[in-house]
N, C-alpha and C. Protein backbone atom coordinates (compact mmCIF):
# COMPACT_ATOMS: atom_id res chain seq x y z
N MET A 1 177.75 89.42 -74.22
CA MET A 1 177.31 88.20 -74.86
C MET A 1 176.33 88.49 -75.98
N VAL A 2 175.75 89.66 -75.97
CA VAL A 2 174.79 90.02 -77.01
C VAL A 2 175.44 89.95 -78.38
N TRP A 3 176.72 90.28 -78.49
CA TRP A 3 177.40 90.28 -79.77
C TRP A 3 177.85 88.89 -80.20
N VAL A 4 177.87 87.95 -79.28
CA VAL A 4 178.31 86.60 -79.62
C VAL A 4 177.18 85.81 -80.24
N GLU A 5 176.07 85.70 -79.55
CA GLU A 5 174.98 84.88 -80.04
C GLU A 5 173.73 85.15 -79.24
N ILE A 6 172.67 85.48 -79.93
CA ILE A 6 171.34 85.55 -79.35
C ILE A 6 170.47 84.73 -80.27
N GLY A 7 169.75 83.79 -79.74
CA GLY A 7 168.91 82.96 -80.60
C GLY A 7 167.99 82.10 -79.77
N GLU A 8 167.63 80.98 -80.34
CA GLU A 8 166.78 80.02 -79.67
C GLU A 8 167.62 78.80 -79.35
N VAL A 9 167.12 77.96 -78.45
CA VAL A 9 167.89 76.82 -77.96
C VAL A 9 168.51 75.99 -79.09
N PRO A 10 167.76 75.59 -80.14
CA PRO A 10 168.39 74.77 -81.18
C PRO A 10 169.49 75.48 -81.96
N ASP A 11 169.47 76.81 -81.96
CA ASP A 11 170.46 77.57 -82.73
C ASP A 11 171.82 77.61 -82.04
N LEU A 12 171.83 77.40 -80.76
CA LEU A 12 173.06 77.55 -79.98
C LEU A 12 173.70 76.18 -79.76
N ASN A 13 175.01 76.12 -79.95
CA ASN A 13 175.69 74.83 -79.79
C ASN A 13 176.93 74.99 -78.92
N THR A 14 177.68 73.93 -78.84
CA THR A 14 178.87 73.91 -77.99
C THR A 14 179.89 74.96 -78.43
N PHE A 15 180.03 75.16 -79.73
CA PHE A 15 181.00 76.13 -80.22
C PHE A 15 180.68 77.54 -79.73
N GLN A 16 179.41 77.96 -79.85
CA GLN A 16 179.02 79.29 -79.36
C GLN A 16 179.21 79.38 -77.85
N ALA A 17 178.92 78.28 -77.16
CA ALA A 17 179.12 78.26 -75.70
C ALA A 17 180.60 78.44 -75.36
N MET A 18 181.47 77.80 -76.13
CA MET A 18 182.91 77.92 -75.88
C MET A 18 183.39 79.34 -76.12
N ILE A 19 182.93 79.96 -77.19
CA ILE A 19 183.34 81.34 -77.48
C ILE A 19 182.86 82.26 -76.35
N GLY A 20 181.59 82.16 -76.03
CA GLY A 20 181.03 83.01 -74.97
C GLY A 20 181.69 82.78 -73.63
N ALA A 21 181.93 81.52 -73.28
CA ALA A 21 182.55 81.20 -72.00
C ALA A 21 183.96 81.74 -71.90
N THR A 22 184.69 81.69 -73.01
CA THR A 22 186.05 82.23 -73.01
C THR A 22 186.02 83.74 -72.78
N ILE A 23 185.10 84.41 -73.44
CA ILE A 23 184.98 85.87 -73.25
C ILE A 23 184.60 86.18 -71.80
N ILE A 24 183.59 85.49 -71.29
CA ILE A 24 183.15 85.70 -69.90
C ILE A 24 184.31 85.44 -68.94
N GLY A 25 184.94 84.27 -69.09
CA GLY A 25 186.03 83.88 -68.20
C GLY A 25 187.20 84.85 -68.23
N CYS A 26 187.52 85.36 -69.40
CA CYS A 26 188.65 86.30 -69.52
C CYS A 26 188.36 87.60 -68.78
N PHE A 27 187.18 88.14 -68.96
CA PHE A 27 186.85 89.38 -68.27
C PHE A 27 186.80 89.18 -66.76
N GLN A 28 186.23 88.06 -66.32
CA GLN A 28 186.20 87.77 -64.89
C GLN A 28 187.61 87.56 -64.35
N ALA A 29 188.44 86.89 -65.12
CA ALA A 29 189.82 86.63 -64.68
C ALA A 29 190.62 87.92 -64.53
N LEU A 30 190.33 88.90 -65.37
CA LEU A 30 191.02 90.20 -65.23
C LEU A 30 190.77 90.79 -63.84
N VAL A 31 189.55 90.73 -63.40
CA VAL A 31 189.20 91.26 -62.07
C VAL A 31 189.79 90.36 -60.99
N LEU A 32 189.65 89.06 -61.17
CA LEU A 32 190.12 88.11 -60.15
C LEU A 32 191.64 88.08 -60.02
N SER A 33 192.36 88.53 -61.04
CA SER A 33 193.82 88.53 -60.96
C SER A 33 194.35 89.42 -59.84
N LEU A 34 193.50 90.31 -59.36
CA LEU A 34 193.88 91.14 -58.21
C LEU A 34 193.90 90.34 -56.90
N PHE A 35 193.24 89.18 -56.90
CA PHE A 35 193.05 88.45 -55.66
C PHE A 35 193.73 87.08 -55.61
N PHE A 36 193.95 86.47 -56.76
CA PHE A 36 194.71 85.22 -56.76
C PHE A 36 195.43 85.02 -58.08
N VAL A 37 196.38 84.08 -58.05
CA VAL A 37 197.39 83.97 -59.09
C VAL A 37 196.91 83.25 -60.36
N HIS A 38 196.41 82.08 -60.23
CA HIS A 38 196.14 81.23 -61.39
C HIS A 38 194.74 81.47 -61.95
N THR A 39 194.52 82.67 -62.46
CA THR A 39 193.19 83.01 -62.97
C THR A 39 192.86 82.28 -64.28
N TRP A 40 193.86 81.74 -64.94
CA TRP A 40 193.60 80.96 -66.15
C TRP A 40 192.76 79.74 -65.80
N LEU A 41 192.87 79.26 -64.57
CA LEU A 41 192.04 78.13 -64.13
C LEU A 41 190.56 78.54 -64.06
N TRP A 42 190.30 79.80 -63.70
CA TRP A 42 188.93 80.31 -63.69
C TRP A 42 188.35 80.30 -65.11
N ILE A 43 189.18 80.73 -66.06
CA ILE A 43 188.76 80.72 -67.47
C ILE A 43 188.44 79.29 -67.90
N LEU A 44 189.31 78.36 -67.54
CA LEU A 44 189.12 76.95 -67.91
C LEU A 44 187.85 76.39 -67.27
N SER A 45 187.63 76.65 -66.00
CA SER A 45 186.43 76.11 -65.34
C SER A 45 185.16 76.69 -65.94
N THR A 46 185.19 77.97 -66.29
CA THR A 46 184.04 78.61 -66.92
C THR A 46 183.80 78.01 -68.30
N LEU A 47 184.88 77.79 -69.03
CA LEU A 47 184.80 77.18 -70.36
C LEU A 47 184.20 75.78 -70.28
N ILE A 48 184.65 74.98 -69.34
CA ILE A 48 184.13 73.62 -69.18
C ILE A 48 182.63 73.65 -68.84
N ALA A 49 182.26 74.48 -67.88
CA ALA A 49 180.86 74.54 -67.45
C ALA A 49 179.93 74.92 -68.60
N TRP A 50 180.26 76.01 -69.30
CA TRP A 50 179.40 76.47 -70.38
C TRP A 50 179.42 75.52 -71.57
N SER A 51 180.57 74.94 -71.88
CA SER A 51 180.67 74.02 -73.01
C SER A 51 179.83 72.76 -72.78
N LEU A 52 179.92 72.22 -71.59
CA LEU A 52 179.10 71.04 -71.28
C LEU A 52 177.61 71.38 -71.32
N MET A 53 177.28 72.55 -70.83
CA MET A 53 175.89 72.97 -70.86
C MET A 53 175.44 73.19 -72.31
N GLY A 54 176.29 73.82 -73.11
CA GLY A 54 175.95 74.07 -74.51
C GLY A 54 175.82 72.80 -75.32
N GLY A 55 176.57 71.79 -74.97
CA GLY A 55 176.51 70.51 -75.67
C GLY A 55 175.38 69.61 -75.21
N SER A 56 174.71 70.01 -74.15
CA SER A 56 173.61 69.20 -73.61
C SER A 56 172.27 69.70 -74.14
N SER A 57 171.23 68.99 -73.81
CA SER A 57 169.88 69.42 -74.20
C SER A 57 169.41 70.59 -73.34
N PHE A 58 170.12 70.85 -72.26
CA PHE A 58 169.78 71.96 -71.36
C PHE A 58 169.95 73.30 -72.06
N GLY A 59 171.01 73.44 -72.83
CA GLY A 59 171.26 74.67 -73.58
C GLY A 59 172.02 75.70 -72.78
N VAL A 60 172.29 76.81 -73.41
CA VAL A 60 173.05 77.88 -72.78
C VAL A 60 172.09 78.97 -72.29
N MET A 61 171.73 78.86 -71.04
CA MET A 61 170.79 79.80 -70.44
C MET A 61 171.35 81.21 -70.47
N GLY A 62 170.50 82.17 -70.65
CA GLY A 62 170.92 83.56 -70.68
C GLY A 62 171.31 84.04 -72.06
N TRP A 63 171.34 83.12 -73.04
CA TRP A 63 171.70 83.50 -74.39
C TRP A 63 170.52 83.38 -75.33
N PHE A 64 169.36 83.05 -74.80
CA PHE A 64 168.17 82.98 -75.63
C PHE A 64 166.96 83.41 -74.80
N ALA A 65 165.94 83.81 -75.51
CA ALA A 65 164.69 84.20 -74.88
C ALA A 65 163.69 83.06 -75.06
N PRO A 66 162.91 82.77 -74.03
CA PRO A 66 161.92 81.70 -74.19
C PRO A 66 160.82 82.08 -75.17
N ARG A 67 160.20 81.11 -75.77
CA ARG A 67 159.17 81.36 -76.78
C ARG A 67 157.83 81.74 -76.16
N THR A 68 157.62 81.41 -74.92
CA THR A 68 156.33 81.67 -74.29
C THR A 68 156.12 83.15 -74.01
N GLU A 69 154.88 83.56 -74.09
CA GLU A 69 154.53 84.94 -73.77
C GLU A 69 154.09 85.09 -72.32
N SER A 70 153.83 83.99 -71.65
CA SER A 70 153.32 84.02 -70.28
C SER A 70 154.38 84.50 -69.29
N ILE A 71 154.04 85.57 -68.60
CA ILE A 71 154.96 86.12 -67.58
C ILE A 71 155.17 85.10 -66.46
N MET A 72 154.11 84.41 -66.04
CA MET A 72 154.24 83.44 -64.94
C MET A 72 155.12 82.26 -65.34
N VAL A 73 155.01 81.80 -66.57
CA VAL A 73 155.86 80.70 -67.03
C VAL A 73 157.31 81.18 -67.10
N ARG A 74 157.51 82.39 -67.58
CA ARG A 74 158.87 82.95 -67.63
C ARG A 74 159.44 83.08 -66.22
N LEU A 75 158.62 83.53 -65.29
CA LEU A 75 159.08 83.68 -63.91
C LEU A 75 159.47 82.33 -63.33
N SER A 76 158.56 81.36 -63.38
CA SER A 76 158.83 80.06 -62.75
C SER A 76 159.94 79.30 -63.47
N THR A 77 159.94 79.33 -64.80
CA THR A 77 160.98 78.65 -65.55
C THR A 77 162.33 79.34 -65.35
N GLY A 78 162.31 80.66 -65.35
CA GLY A 78 163.55 81.41 -65.12
C GLY A 78 164.14 81.14 -63.75
N LEU A 79 163.27 81.08 -62.74
CA LEU A 79 163.76 80.78 -61.39
C LEU A 79 164.40 79.39 -61.33
N MET A 80 163.72 78.40 -61.93
CA MET A 80 164.21 77.03 -61.88
C MET A 80 165.46 76.83 -62.75
N LEU A 81 165.36 77.20 -64.03
CA LEU A 81 166.50 76.99 -64.94
C LEU A 81 167.67 77.89 -64.59
N GLY A 82 167.37 79.11 -64.13
CA GLY A 82 168.44 80.00 -63.68
C GLY A 82 169.17 79.42 -62.48
N GLY A 83 168.41 78.86 -61.54
CA GLY A 83 169.03 78.23 -60.37
C GLY A 83 169.93 77.08 -60.77
N LEU A 84 169.45 76.24 -61.67
CA LEU A 84 170.27 75.11 -62.14
C LEU A 84 171.52 75.59 -62.87
N THR A 85 171.36 76.62 -63.69
CA THR A 85 172.51 77.18 -64.42
C THR A 85 173.55 77.71 -63.43
N GLY A 86 173.09 78.50 -62.46
CA GLY A 86 174.01 79.08 -61.49
C GLY A 86 174.71 78.03 -60.64
N ILE A 87 173.97 77.01 -60.25
CA ILE A 87 174.58 75.93 -59.45
C ILE A 87 175.62 75.20 -60.29
N TRP A 88 175.30 74.92 -61.54
CA TRP A 88 176.23 74.21 -62.43
C TRP A 88 177.51 75.02 -62.64
N ILE A 89 177.37 76.28 -63.00
CA ILE A 89 178.54 77.13 -63.23
C ILE A 89 179.29 77.34 -61.92
N GLY A 90 178.55 77.61 -60.85
CA GLY A 90 179.17 77.82 -59.54
C GLY A 90 179.95 76.60 -59.08
N PHE A 91 179.43 75.41 -59.36
CA PHE A 91 180.12 74.18 -58.99
C PHE A 91 181.48 74.09 -59.66
N TRP A 92 181.54 74.37 -60.95
CA TRP A 92 182.82 74.30 -61.67
C TRP A 92 183.78 75.39 -61.20
N GLN A 93 183.27 76.57 -60.93
CA GLN A 93 184.12 77.65 -60.47
C GLN A 93 184.55 77.45 -59.02
N TRP A 94 183.76 76.74 -58.26
CA TRP A 94 184.08 76.44 -56.87
C TRP A 94 185.42 75.69 -56.76
N PHE A 95 185.71 74.84 -57.72
CA PHE A 95 186.98 74.11 -57.69
C PHE A 95 188.17 75.08 -57.65
N ILE A 96 188.01 76.22 -58.29
CA ILE A 96 189.09 77.20 -58.34
C ILE A 96 189.10 78.05 -57.07
N LEU A 97 187.91 78.33 -56.54
CA LEU A 97 187.81 79.15 -55.33
C LEU A 97 188.18 78.39 -54.06
N LYS A 98 187.99 77.09 -54.08
CA LYS A 98 188.18 76.26 -52.87
C LYS A 98 189.52 76.47 -52.18
N PRO A 99 190.64 76.45 -52.88
CA PRO A 99 191.91 76.65 -52.17
C PRO A 99 192.19 78.11 -51.79
N VAL A 100 191.40 79.04 -52.31
CA VAL A 100 191.68 80.46 -52.15
C VAL A 100 190.74 81.14 -51.16
N VAL A 101 189.50 80.68 -51.10
CA VAL A 101 188.45 81.36 -50.34
C VAL A 101 187.88 80.43 -49.28
N SER A 102 187.85 80.90 -48.03
CA SER A 102 187.19 80.11 -46.99
C SER A 102 185.69 80.17 -47.23
N LYS A 103 185.01 79.12 -46.88
CA LYS A 103 183.56 78.98 -47.11
C LYS A 103 183.22 79.14 -48.60
N SER A 104 184.11 78.62 -49.44
CA SER A 104 183.92 78.74 -50.88
C SER A 104 182.68 78.01 -51.37
N TYR A 105 182.20 77.03 -50.61
CA TYR A 105 181.00 76.30 -50.99
C TYR A 105 179.80 77.24 -51.12
N LEU A 106 179.84 78.37 -50.43
CA LEU A 106 178.75 79.34 -50.55
C LEU A 106 178.66 79.93 -51.95
N TRP A 107 179.77 79.89 -52.70
CA TRP A 107 179.76 80.40 -54.06
C TRP A 107 178.72 79.67 -54.91
N ILE A 108 178.59 78.36 -54.72
CA ILE A 108 177.62 77.58 -55.49
C ILE A 108 176.21 78.08 -55.20
N LEU A 109 175.91 78.31 -53.94
CA LEU A 109 174.59 78.83 -53.55
C LEU A 109 174.37 80.24 -54.09
N PHE A 110 175.35 81.12 -53.90
CA PHE A 110 175.23 82.51 -54.37
C PHE A 110 175.05 82.56 -55.89
N SER A 111 175.80 81.74 -56.60
CA SER A 111 175.70 81.70 -58.05
C SER A 111 174.31 81.22 -58.47
N GLY A 112 173.80 80.20 -57.80
CA GLY A 112 172.47 79.69 -58.11
C GLY A 112 171.38 80.73 -57.88
N ILE A 113 171.46 81.43 -56.77
CA ILE A 113 170.48 82.47 -56.47
C ILE A 113 170.58 83.62 -57.47
N SER A 114 171.80 84.03 -57.77
CA SER A 114 172.01 85.13 -58.72
C SER A 114 171.44 84.81 -60.09
N TRP A 115 171.72 83.64 -60.58
CA TRP A 115 171.22 83.23 -61.89
C TRP A 115 169.70 83.06 -61.86
N SER A 116 169.18 82.53 -60.79
CA SER A 116 167.74 82.33 -60.67
C SER A 116 167.00 83.66 -60.76
N LEU A 117 167.43 84.62 -59.98
CA LEU A 117 166.79 85.94 -59.99
C LEU A 117 167.05 86.68 -61.30
N GLY A 118 168.29 86.66 -61.75
CA GLY A 118 168.65 87.40 -62.96
C GLY A 118 167.93 86.89 -64.20
N LEU A 119 167.88 85.57 -64.37
CA LEU A 119 167.24 85.01 -65.55
C LEU A 119 165.73 85.27 -65.55
N SER A 120 165.09 85.05 -64.43
CA SER A 120 163.64 85.26 -64.40
C SER A 120 163.28 86.74 -64.59
N ILE A 121 163.98 87.63 -63.94
CA ILE A 121 163.69 89.07 -64.09
C ILE A 121 163.99 89.54 -65.51
N GLY A 122 165.13 89.13 -66.05
CA GLY A 122 165.49 89.52 -67.42
C GLY A 122 164.50 89.01 -68.45
N TRP A 123 164.06 87.76 -68.30
CA TRP A 123 163.07 87.20 -69.23
C TRP A 123 161.74 87.94 -69.14
N ILE A 124 161.36 88.35 -67.94
CA ILE A 124 160.11 89.10 -67.78
C ILE A 124 160.25 90.49 -68.41
N ILE A 125 161.35 91.16 -68.15
CA ILE A 125 161.59 92.48 -68.76
C ILE A 125 161.57 92.36 -70.29
N GLY A 126 162.22 91.34 -70.81
CA GLY A 126 162.24 91.13 -72.26
C GLY A 126 160.86 90.94 -72.84
N ARG A 127 160.03 90.17 -72.16
CA ARG A 127 158.66 89.93 -72.64
C ARG A 127 157.84 91.22 -72.63
N ILE A 128 157.96 91.97 -71.54
CA ILE A 128 157.22 93.23 -71.44
C ILE A 128 157.64 94.19 -72.55
N LEU A 129 158.95 94.34 -72.75
CA LEU A 129 159.44 95.23 -73.80
C LEU A 129 159.02 94.75 -75.19
N HIS A 130 159.06 93.44 -75.39
CA HIS A 130 158.65 92.87 -76.68
C HIS A 130 157.16 93.13 -76.93
N SER A 131 156.34 92.98 -75.91
CA SER A 131 154.90 93.20 -76.08
C SER A 131 154.59 94.68 -76.31
N ILE A 132 155.38 95.57 -75.74
CA ILE A 132 155.16 97.01 -75.94
C ILE A 132 155.59 97.44 -77.34
N THR A 133 156.75 96.95 -77.78
CA THR A 133 157.33 97.41 -79.05
C THR A 133 156.98 96.53 -80.24
N ASN A 134 156.60 95.28 -79.98
CA ASN A 134 156.37 94.29 -81.04
C ASN A 134 157.64 94.03 -81.85
N ILE A 135 158.79 94.25 -81.23
CA ILE A 135 160.09 94.02 -81.87
C ILE A 135 160.88 93.06 -80.98
N PHE A 136 161.55 92.08 -81.61
CA PHE A 136 162.34 91.12 -80.85
C PHE A 136 163.46 91.80 -80.06
N LEU A 137 163.84 92.98 -80.45
CA LEU A 137 164.88 93.72 -79.74
C LEU A 137 164.54 93.85 -78.25
N GLY A 138 163.26 93.89 -77.91
CA GLY A 138 162.85 93.92 -76.51
C GLY A 138 163.37 92.71 -75.74
N GLU A 139 163.36 91.55 -76.40
CA GLU A 139 163.90 90.33 -75.78
C GLU A 139 165.41 90.44 -75.59
N VAL A 140 166.08 91.04 -76.56
CA VAL A 140 167.53 91.23 -76.46
C VAL A 140 167.86 92.14 -75.28
N VAL A 141 167.10 93.20 -75.12
CA VAL A 141 167.30 94.09 -73.97
C VAL A 141 167.08 93.32 -72.67
N GLY A 142 166.07 92.45 -72.66
CA GLY A 142 165.85 91.60 -71.49
C GLY A 142 167.05 90.73 -71.17
N LEU A 143 167.68 90.18 -72.21
CA LEU A 143 168.88 89.36 -72.00
C LEU A 143 170.05 90.19 -71.50
N ILE A 144 170.12 91.43 -71.95
CA ILE A 144 171.16 92.32 -71.42
C ILE A 144 170.93 92.51 -69.92
N PHE A 145 169.67 92.67 -69.52
CA PHE A 145 169.35 92.78 -68.09
C PHE A 145 169.75 91.51 -67.34
N VAL A 146 169.55 90.34 -67.95
CA VAL A 146 169.97 89.09 -67.31
C VAL A 146 171.45 89.18 -66.94
N TRP A 147 172.28 89.53 -67.91
CA TRP A 147 173.73 89.55 -67.70
C TRP A 147 174.14 90.64 -66.72
N ILE A 148 173.48 91.79 -66.77
CA ILE A 148 173.80 92.86 -65.82
C ILE A 148 173.45 92.42 -64.41
N LEU A 149 172.25 91.86 -64.23
CA LEU A 149 171.82 91.43 -62.90
C LEU A 149 172.70 90.31 -62.35
N VAL A 150 172.98 89.32 -63.20
CA VAL A 150 173.82 88.20 -62.75
C VAL A 150 175.22 88.71 -62.41
N GLY A 151 175.77 89.57 -63.26
CA GLY A 151 177.11 90.11 -63.02
C GLY A 151 177.19 90.90 -61.73
N MET A 152 176.18 91.72 -61.49
CA MET A 152 176.17 92.53 -60.25
C MET A 152 176.05 91.63 -59.02
N GLN A 153 175.11 90.71 -59.06
CA GLN A 153 174.88 89.85 -57.90
C GLN A 153 176.05 88.93 -57.60
N THR A 154 176.61 88.30 -58.63
CA THR A 154 177.75 87.42 -58.39
C THR A 154 178.98 88.22 -58.00
N GLY A 155 179.12 89.43 -58.55
CA GLY A 155 180.23 90.30 -58.15
C GLY A 155 180.16 90.66 -56.67
N ILE A 156 178.98 91.01 -56.22
CA ILE A 156 178.78 91.34 -54.79
C ILE A 156 179.05 90.11 -53.94
N ALA A 157 178.55 88.95 -54.37
CA ALA A 157 178.74 87.72 -53.60
C ALA A 157 180.22 87.33 -53.51
N LEU A 158 180.92 87.43 -54.64
CA LEU A 158 182.35 87.08 -54.63
C LEU A 158 183.15 88.08 -53.82
N SER A 159 182.79 89.34 -53.89
CA SER A 159 183.46 90.36 -53.06
C SER A 159 183.28 90.03 -51.59
N TYR A 160 182.08 89.62 -51.22
CA TYR A 160 181.80 89.24 -49.84
C TYR A 160 182.67 88.06 -49.42
N LEU A 161 182.73 87.03 -50.26
CA LEU A 161 183.53 85.85 -49.92
C LEU A 161 185.02 86.18 -49.83
N LEU A 162 185.49 87.00 -50.75
CA LEU A 162 186.90 87.40 -50.71
C LEU A 162 187.21 88.23 -49.47
N GLN A 163 186.30 89.10 -49.12
CA GLN A 163 186.49 89.94 -47.93
C GLN A 163 186.50 89.08 -46.66
N LYS A 164 185.60 88.13 -46.57
CA LYS A 164 185.55 87.24 -45.40
C LYS A 164 186.79 86.36 -45.31
N SER A 165 187.46 86.13 -46.45
CA SER A 165 188.68 85.32 -46.46
C SER A 165 189.93 86.16 -46.27
N GLY A 166 189.75 87.48 -46.15
CA GLY A 166 190.89 88.37 -45.99
C GLY A 166 191.61 88.65 -47.29
N ARG A 167 191.00 88.32 -48.43
CA ARG A 167 191.63 88.53 -49.73
C ARG A 167 191.36 89.93 -50.28
N ALA A 168 190.22 90.51 -49.88
CA ALA A 168 189.88 91.85 -50.36
C ALA A 168 189.89 92.81 -49.19
N GLU A 169 190.39 93.97 -49.42
CA GLU A 169 190.46 94.98 -48.36
C GLU A 169 189.34 95.97 -48.48
């Protein structure tokens, strides 16, 4: 996502959200195609979730760094906004998982927790790196950490759900 758009909340709009969501959904669908058939629905649900978020005043979390320098504000805001982001995205993706995965409702919770932790930790790392280097690139590295952490955590969570459903060996 670093190559698609990094900016501030007013700079990002529905169009950037749609581009990013399509890229995210396609890569996730490649992996998910091993476990179920209609992975294009995953792409669509991801596109809808991110597009609606991008078109709202909420913005596209994980694609911008907050303006505040306060680590505590970044931590608390990241936990809260990350949780909301994860729940929102997880809710839309849950529609696709529901017929395929038993206890699919847990995906919404796992997604919320993953985004909450990933966003807050990534924002803190970005601030620390920015304060050390005095270069905005530190914030970009923090956002890369957001996506790595969220990807790892949601990947582990989805693997767990697929395994419990007998979909993954």
